[in-house]
Amino acid sequence: MRSMLLGGLGLLAIAAACTEEQPAAPAATAPAATTEDQVVQPASAGPPPVAGQIDWATARADAAARPSDVVIPQSVGSDPLTVPMLLPVIVQTASERPTPPRVTKDGYFATYHLPRYDVIVNGSSKAYQAGSPPAGDKTEMKFTTVEAGAQLAFSRYGADYLIEFECREVDSPEGCITEVQAKEFAEGLFVAQSR
């Protein structure tokens, strides 16, 4: 701000010299604040994250019970796994190979390209809650439609999951996926990784 003020005053002085007019006397101004005088306003951080208690024992048991013919993709990322990784069983050709799941500091995400829509499966150990906690069961799936797609949010093993469906083509009033189809997709997820 100070450099803009000084730059503006410099341009005003140059303009006055070129037109040989003297600028009007400035009104009384407060002295410019120095770096020590400036107060830094804290950024609005929003609601604090709520970390879930992960039930690793149940996730490990479910991972051990999955069918043996399921191919588990290798994940990328240097962060440790903080939630059980749920992935869909999707058969794709070599040319349509999915991007490997990406492990992040508080969860993971995996992207799949399907004929009617793209799917992003997100898992997180942190949830951001605004206001009072919901009265319903947190494991209940919540389906919402968004522009050119839909989202399905739910909890499992104490972690929060969000499946995003991004339509390639919207060919019906309900979009490219119905609530029933989205829930069937979520029910088909298996535990690919646990700890």
C-alpha atoms as a PDB file:
ATOM      1  CA  MET A   1       0.000   0.000   0.000  1.00  0.00           C
ATOM      2  CA  ARG A   2       2.825   2.381   0.878  1.00  0.00           C
ATOM      3  CA  SER A   3       4.580   1.736  -2.433  1.00  0.00           C
ATOM      4  CA  MET A   4       1.311   2.358  -4.306  1.00  0.00           C
ATOM      5  CA  LEU A   5       0.841   5.623  -2.430  1.00  0.00           C
ATOM      6  CA  LEU A   6       4.404   6.747  -3.155  1.00  0.00           C
ATOM      7  CA  GLY A   7       4.103   5.655  -6.799  1.00  0.00           C
ATOM      8  CA  GLY A   8       0.849   7.578  -7.165  1.00  0.00           C
ATOM      9  CA  LEU A   9       2.396  10.712  -5.650  1.00  0.00           C
ATOM     10  CA  GLY A  10       5.348  10.365  -8.036  1.00  0.00           C
ATOM     11  CA  LEU A  11       3.026  10.186 -11.062  1.00  0.00           C
ATOM     12  CA  LEU A  12       1.106  13.201  -9.794  1.00  0.00           C
ATOM     13  CA  ALA A  13       4.360  15.191  -9.479  1.00  0.00           C
ATOM     14  CA  ILE A  14       5.425  14.228 -13.021  1.00  0.00           C
ATOM     15  CA  ALA A  15       2.034  15.234 -14.418  1.00  0.00           C
ATOM     16  CA  ALA A  16       2.188  18.583 -12.621  1.00  0.00           C
ATOM     17  CA  ALA A  17       5.712  19.265 -13.945  1.00  0.00           C
ATOM     18  CA  CYS A  18       4.662  18.470 -17.523  1.00  0.00           C
ATOM     19  CA  THR A  19       1.687  20.836 -17.410  1.00  0.00           C
ATOM     20  CA  GLU A  20       3.599  23.415 -15.372  1.00  0.00           C
ATOM     21  CA  GLU A  21       0.761  23.495 -12.886  1.00  0.00           C
ATOM     22  CA  GLN A  22       1.231  23.105  -9.199  1.00  0.00           C
ATOM     23  CA  PRO A  23      -0.941  20.513  -7.523  1.00  0.00           C
ATOM     24  CA  ALA A  24      -3.351  21.716  -4.901  1.00  0.00           C
ATOM     25  CA  ALA A  25      -2.072  21.520  -1.360  1.00  0.00           C
ATOM     26  CA  PRO A  26      -2.916  18.092   0.007  1.00  0.00           C
ATOM     27  CA  ALA A  27      -5.267  17.883   2.930  1.00  0.00           C
ATOM     28  CA  ALA A  28      -3.809  16.948   6.264  1.00  0.00           C
ATOM     29  CA  THR A  29      -2.865  13.283   6.079  1.00  0.00           C
ATOM     30  CA  ALA A  30      -1.858  10.845   8.719  1.00  0.00           C
ATOM     31  CA  PRO A  31       1.769   9.764   8.659  1.00  0.00           C
ATOM     32  CA  ALA A  32       2.381   6.578   6.691  1.00  0.00           C
ATOM     33  CA  ALA A  33       2.482   3.511   8.890  1.00  0.00           C
ATOM     34  CA  THR A  34       5.792   1.770   9.265  1.00  0.00           C
ATOM     35  CA  THR A  35       6.188  -1.975   9.192  1.00  0.00           C
ATOM     36  CA  GLU A  36       6.249  -2.097  12.993  1.00  0.00           C
ATOM     37  CA  ASP A  37       2.989  -0.101  13.197  1.00  0.00           C
ATOM     38  CA  GLN A  38       1.033  -2.379  10.841  1.00  0.00           C
ATOM     39  CA  VAL A  39      -1.356  -4.784  12.497  1.00  0.00           C
ATOM     40  CA  VAL A  40      -1.698  -8.150  10.846  1.00  0.00           C
ATOM     41  CA  GLN A  41      -5.287  -9.336  10.792  1.00  0.00           C
ATOM     42  CA  PRO A  42      -5.621 -13.083  11.372  1.00  0.00           C
ATOM     43  CA  ALA A  43      -7.067 -14.954   8.413  1.00  0.00           C
ATOM     44  CA  SER A  44     -10.500 -16.439   8.866  1.00  0.00           C
ATOM     45  CA  ALA A  45      -9.723 -20.073   9.475  1.00  0.00           C
ATOM     46  CA  GLY A  46     -13.328 -21.305   9.375  1.00  0.00           C
ATOM     47  CA  PRO A  47     -14.532 -24.141  11.544  1.00  0.00           C
ATOM     48  CA  PRO A  48     -11.834 -26.276  13.135  1.00  0.00           C
ATOM     49  CA  PRO A  49     -11.270 -29.754  11.694  1.00  0.00           C
ATOM     50  CA  VAL A  50     -12.741 -32.698  13.547  1.00  0.00           C
ATOM     51  CA  ALA A  51     -10.540 -35.812  13.454  1.00  0.00           C
ATOM     52  CA  GLY A  52     -12.261 -39.181  13.510  1.00  0.00           C
ATOM     53  CA  GLN A  53     -11.205 -42.244  15.488  1.00  0.00           C
ATOM     54  CA  ILE A  54     -10.331 -44.792  12.810  1.00  0.00           C
ATOM     55  CA  ASP A  55     -11.367 -48.405  13.387  1.00  0.00           C
ATOM     56  CA  TRP A  56      -8.285 -50.000  11.813  1.00  0.00           C
ATOM     57  CA  ALA A  57      -9.090 -53.501  13.139  1.00  0.00           C
ATOM     58  CA  THR A  58     -12.416 -53.670  11.257  1.00  0.00           C
ATOM     59  CA  ALA A  59     -10.818 -52.187   8.132  1.00  0.00           C
ATOM     60  CA  ARG A  60      -8.051 -54.822   8.237  1.00  0.00           C
ATOM     61  CA  ALA A  61     -10.630 -57.593   8.656  1.00  0.00           C
ATOM     62  CA  ASP A  62     -12.613 -56.289   5.667  1.00  0.00           C
ATOM     63  CA  ALA A  63      -9.410 -56.019   3.604  1.00  0.00           C
ATOM     64  CA  ALA A  64      -8.581 -59.656   4.405  1.00  0.00           C
ATOM     65  CA  ALA A  65     -12.104 -60.743   3.382  1.00  0.00           C
ATOM     66  CA  ARG A  66     -12.048 -59.129  -0.070  1.00  0.00           C
ATOM     67  CA  PRO A  67     -11.984 -61.448  -3.098  1.00  0.00           C
ATOM     68  CA  SER A  68      -8.499 -62.646  -4.021  1.00  0.00           C
ATOM     69  CA  ASP A  69      -8.884 -61.766  -7.712  1.00  0.00           C
ATOM     70  CA  VAL A  70      -9.262 -58.017  -7.029  1.00  0.00           C
ATOM     71  CA  VAL A  71      -6.326 -56.086  -8.468  1.00  0.00           C
ATOM     72  CA  ILE A  72      -5.098 -53.469  -5.999  1.00  0.00           C
ATOM     73  CA  PRO A  73      -3.466 -50.445  -7.635  1.00  0.00           C
ATOM     74  CA  GLN A  74      -0.212 -49.089  -6.229  1.00  0.00           C
ATOM     75  CA  SER A  75      -0.769 -45.705  -4.586  1.00  0.00           C
ATOM     76  CA  VAL A  76       1.572 -42.726  -4.849  1.00  0.00           C
ATOM     77  CA  GLY A  77       2.579 -40.156  -2.258  1.00  0.00           C
ATOM     78  CA  SER A  78       5.037 -40.061   0.601  1.00  0.00           C
ATOM     79  CA  ASP A  79       2.528 -39.411   3.397  1.00  0.00           C
ATOM     80  CA  PRO A  80       1.433 -42.298   5.650  1.00  0.00           C
ATOM     81  CA  LEU A  81      -2.083 -43.651   5.107  1.00  0.00           C
ATOM     82  CA  THR A  82      -4.437 -41.961   7.613  1.00  0.00           C
ATOM     83  CA  VAL A  83      -7.717 -43.634   6.564  1.00  0.00           C
ATOM     84  CA  PRO A  84      -8.648 -47.022   5.095  1.00  0.00           C
ATOM     85  CA  MET A  85      -8.455 -46.670   1.306  1.00  0.00           C
ATOM     86  CA  LEU A  86     -11.774 -47.577  -0.321  1.00  0.00           C
ATOM     87  CA  LEU A  87     -11.650 -48.140  -4.082  1.00  0.00           C
ATOM     88  CA  PRO A  88     -14.119 -49.447  -6.685  1.00  0.00           C
ATOM     89  CA  VAL A  89     -13.727 -52.672  -8.644  1.00  0.00           C
ATOM     90  CA  ILE A  90     -13.472 -51.275 -12.172  1.00  0.00           C
ATOM     91  CA  VAL A  91     -12.301 -53.208 -15.199  1.00  0.00           C
ATOM     92  CA  GLN A  92     -10.537 -50.888 -17.613  1.00  0.00           C
ATOM     93  CA  THR A  93      -8.396 -51.482 -20.652  1.00  0.00           C
ATOM     94  CA  ALA A  94      -4.692 -50.658 -20.670  1.00  0.00           C
ATOM     95  CA  SER A  95      -5.410 -47.466 -22.631  1.00  0.00           C
ATOM     96  CA  GLU A  96      -7.919 -46.392 -19.964  1.00  0.00           C
ATOM     97  CA  ARG A  97      -5.694 -47.213 -17.021  1.00  0.00           C
ATOM     98  CA  PRO A  98      -6.794 -45.176 -13.978  1.00  0.00           C
ATOM     99  CA  THR A  99      -4.522 -42.689 -12.322  1.00  0.00           C
ATOM    100  CA  PRO A 100      -2.964 -44.310  -9.227  1.00  0.00           C
ATOM    101  CA  PRO A 101      -4.612 -43.320  -5.926  1.00  0.00           C
ATOM    102  CA  ARG A 102      -2.830 -40.363  -4.326  1.00  0.00           C
ATOM    103  CA  VAL A 103      -2.150 -40.449  -0.573  1.00  0.00           C
ATOM    104  CA  THR A 104      -2.253 -37.011   1.093  1.00  0.00           C
ATOM    105  CA  LYS A 105      -1.461 -35.793   4.617  1.00  0.00           C
ATOM    106  CA  ASP A 106      -5.067 -36.285   5.783  1.00  0.00           C
ATOM    107  CA  GLY A 107      -6.410 -38.967   3.422  1.00  0.00           C
ATOM    108  CA  TYR A 108      -6.364 -39.914  -0.251  1.00  0.00           C
ATOM    109  CA  PHE A 109      -8.129 -39.475  -3.587  1.00  0.00           C
ATOM    110  CA  ALA A 110      -8.460 -41.677  -6.672  1.00  0.00           C
ATOM    111  CA  THR A 111      -9.777 -40.729 -10.129  1.00  0.00           C
ATOM    112  CA  TYR A 112     -11.562 -42.989 -12.629  1.00  0.00           C
ATOM    113  CA  HIS A 113     -12.816 -42.229 -16.148  1.00  0.00           C
ATOM    114  CA  LEU A 114     -16.006 -44.133 -16.941  1.00  0.00           C
ATOM    115  CA  PRO A 115     -18.157 -43.935 -20.091  1.00  0.00           C
ATOM    116  CA  ARG A 116     -20.883 -41.637 -18.699  1.00  0.00           C
ATOM    117  CA  TYR A 117     -18.969 -39.797 -15.962  1.00  0.00           C
ATOM    118  CA  ASP A 118     -15.652 -39.341 -14.195  1.00  0.00           C
ATOM    119  CA  VAL A 119     -15.455 -40.443 -10.559  1.00  0.00           C
ATOM    120  CA  ILE A 120     -13.244 -39.087  -7.791  1.00  0.00           C
ATOM    121  CA  VAL A 121     -13.192 -41.118  -4.577  1.00  0.00           C
ATOM    122  CA  ASN A 122     -11.935 -39.093  -1.596  1.00  0.00           C
ATOM    123  CA  GLY A 123     -11.202 -40.339   1.911  1.00  0.00           C
ATOM    124  CA  SER A 124     -10.282 -38.061   4.811  1.00  0.00           C
ATOM    125  CA  SER A 125      -9.434 -38.340   8.476  1.00  0.00           C
ATOM    126  CA  LYS A 126     -10.642 -34.772   9.035  1.00  0.00           C
ATOM    127  CA  ALA A 127     -14.086 -33.298   8.601  1.00  0.00           C
ATOM    128  CA  TYR A 128     -15.054 -29.637   8.799  1.00  0.00           C
ATOM    129  CA  GLN A 129     -18.265 -29.113  10.677  1.00  0.00           C
ATOM    130  CA  ALA A 130     -20.151 -25.837  10.710  1.00  0.00           C
ATOM    131  CA  GLY A 131     -22.736 -25.311  13.413  1.00  0.00           C
ATOM    132  CA  SER A 132     -24.084 -28.074  15.607  1.00  0.00           C
ATOM    133  CA  PRO A 133     -23.417 -31.736  14.814  1.00  0.00           C
ATOM    134  CA  PRO A 134     -26.005 -33.466  12.652  1.00  0.00           C
ATOM    135  CA  ALA A 135     -28.668 -35.395  14.507  1.00  0.00           C
ATOM    136  CA  GLY A 136     -28.738 -38.331  12.072  1.00  0.00           C
ATOM    137  CA  ASP A 137     -26.426 -41.304  11.767  1.00  0.00           C
ATOM    138  CA  LYS A 138     -23.119 -40.210  10.274  1.00  0.00           C
ATOM    139  CA  THR A 139     -22.794 -43.473   8.339  1.00  0.00           C
ATOM    140  CA  GLU A 140     -25.976 -42.683   6.381  1.00  0.00           C
ATOM    141  CA  MET A 141     -25.164 -41.766   2.811  1.00  0.00           C
ATOM    142  CA  LYS A 142     -26.044 -38.229   1.730  1.00  0.00           C
ATOM    143  CA  PHE A 143     -26.628 -37.730  -2.003  1.00  0.00           C
ATOM    144  CA  THR A 144     -26.612 -34.235  -3.507  1.00  0.00           C
ATOM    145  CA  THR A 145     -26.800 -33.103  -7.096  1.00  0.00           C
ATOM    146  CA  VAL A 146     -24.409 -30.441  -8.299  1.00  0.00           C
ATOM    147  CA  GLU A 147     -24.023 -28.701 -11.624  1.00  0.00           C
ATOM    148  CA  ALA A 148     -23.214 -31.393 -14.202  1.00  0.00           C
ATOM    149  CA  GLY A 149     -22.830 -34.101 -11.582  1.00  0.00           C
ATOM    150  CA  ALA A 150     -23.523 -35.430  -8.128  1.00  0.00           C
ATOM    151  CA  GLN A 151     -21.814 -36.162  -4.805  1.00  0.00           C
ATOM    152  CA  LEU A 152     -22.274 -38.895  -2.253  1.00  0.00           C
ATOM    153  CA  ALA A 153     -20.913 -38.367   1.286  1.00  0.00           C
ATOM    154  CA  PHE A 154     -20.735 -41.002   4.025  1.00  0.00           C
ATOM    155  CA  SER A 155     -18.583 -42.296   6.875  1.00  0.00           C
ATOM    156  CA  ARG A 156     -17.053 -45.716   7.333  1.00  0.00           C
ATOM    157  CA  TYR A 157     -14.478 -46.991   9.849  1.00  0.00           C
ATOM    158  CA  GLY A 158     -14.584 -43.551  11.511  1.00  0.00           C
ATOM    159  CA  ALA A 159     -13.315 -41.802   8.345  1.00  0.00           C
ATOM    160  CA  ASP A 160     -15.255 -39.488   6.015  1.00  0.00           C
ATOM    161  CA  TYR A 161     -15.629 -40.309   2.325  1.00  0.00           C
ATOM    162  CA  LEU A 162     -16.888 -38.277  -0.622  1.00  0.00           C
ATOM    163  CA  ILE A 163     -17.537 -39.673  -4.081  1.00  0.00           C
ATOM    164  CA  GLU A 164     -17.799 -37.042  -6.807  1.00  0.00           C
ATOM    165  CA  PHE A 165     -19.479 -37.917 -10.114  1.00  0.00           C
ATOM    166  CA  GLU A 166     -18.662 -35.471 -12.941  1.00  0.00           C
ATOM    167  CA  CYS A 167     -20.948 -36.023 -15.941  1.00  0.00           C
ATOM    168  CA  ARG A 168     -19.437 -36.344 -19.407  1.00  0.00           C
ATOM    169  CA  GLU A 169     -22.929 -35.883 -20.888  1.00  0.00           C
ATOM    170  CA  VAL A 170     -26.152 -34.874 -19.192  1.00  0.00           C
ATOM    171  CA  ASP A 171     -28.769 -36.879 -21.071  1.00  0.00           C
ATOM    172  CA  SER A 172     -31.697 -36.921 -18.644  1.00  0.00           C
ATOM    173  CA  PRO A 173     -33.369 -34.592 -16.124  1.00  0.00           C
ATOM    174  CA  GLU A 174     -31.644 -36.319 -13.179  1.00  0.00           C
ATOM    175  CA  GLY A 175     -28.195 -36.003 -14.785  1.00  0.00           C
ATOM    176  CA  CYS A 176     -25.829 -38.842 -15.614  1.00  0.00           C
ATOM    177  CA  ILE A 177     -26.302 -40.783 -12.359  1.00  0.00           C
ATOM    178  CA  THR A 178     -29.195 -41.385 -10.008  1.00  0.00           C
ATOM    179  CA  GLU A 179     -29.072 -41.634  -6.232  1.00  0.00           C
ATOM    180  CA  VAL A 180     -29.649 -45.406  -6.420  1.00  0.00           C
ATOM    181  CA  GLN A 181     -26.754 -45.832  -8.889  1.00  0.00           C
ATOM    182  CA  ALA A 182     -24.435 -43.661  -6.761  1.00  0.00           C
ATOM    183  CA  LYS A 183     -25.239 -45.703  -3.637  1.00  0.00           C
ATOM    184  CA  GLU A 184     -24.674 -48.967  -5.529  1.00  0.00           C
ATOM    185  CA  PHE A 185     -21.277 -47.626  -6.613  1.00  0.00           C
ATOM    186  CA  ALA A 186     -20.417 -46.770  -2.983  1.00  0.00           C
ATOM    187  CA  GLU A 187     -21.572 -50.164  -1.703  1.00  0.00           C
ATOM    188  CA  GLY A 188     -19.207 -51.795  -4.214  1.00  0.00           C
ATOM    189  CA  LEU A 189     -16.101 -50.112  -2.757  1.00  0.00           C
ATOM    190  CA  PHE A 190     -13.558 -52.440  -1.171  1.00  0.00           C
ATOM    191  CA  VAL A 191     -10.742 -51.822   1.311  1.00  0.00           C
ATOM    192  CA  ALA A 192      -7.664 -51.620  -0.911  1.00  0.00           C
ATOM    193  CA  GLN A 193      -5.231 -50.534   1.816  1.00  0.00           C
ATOM    194  CA  SER A 194      -5.284 -50.415   5.586  1.00  0.00           C
ATOM    195  CA  ARG A 195      -2.692 -50.389   8.336  1.00  0.00           C
END
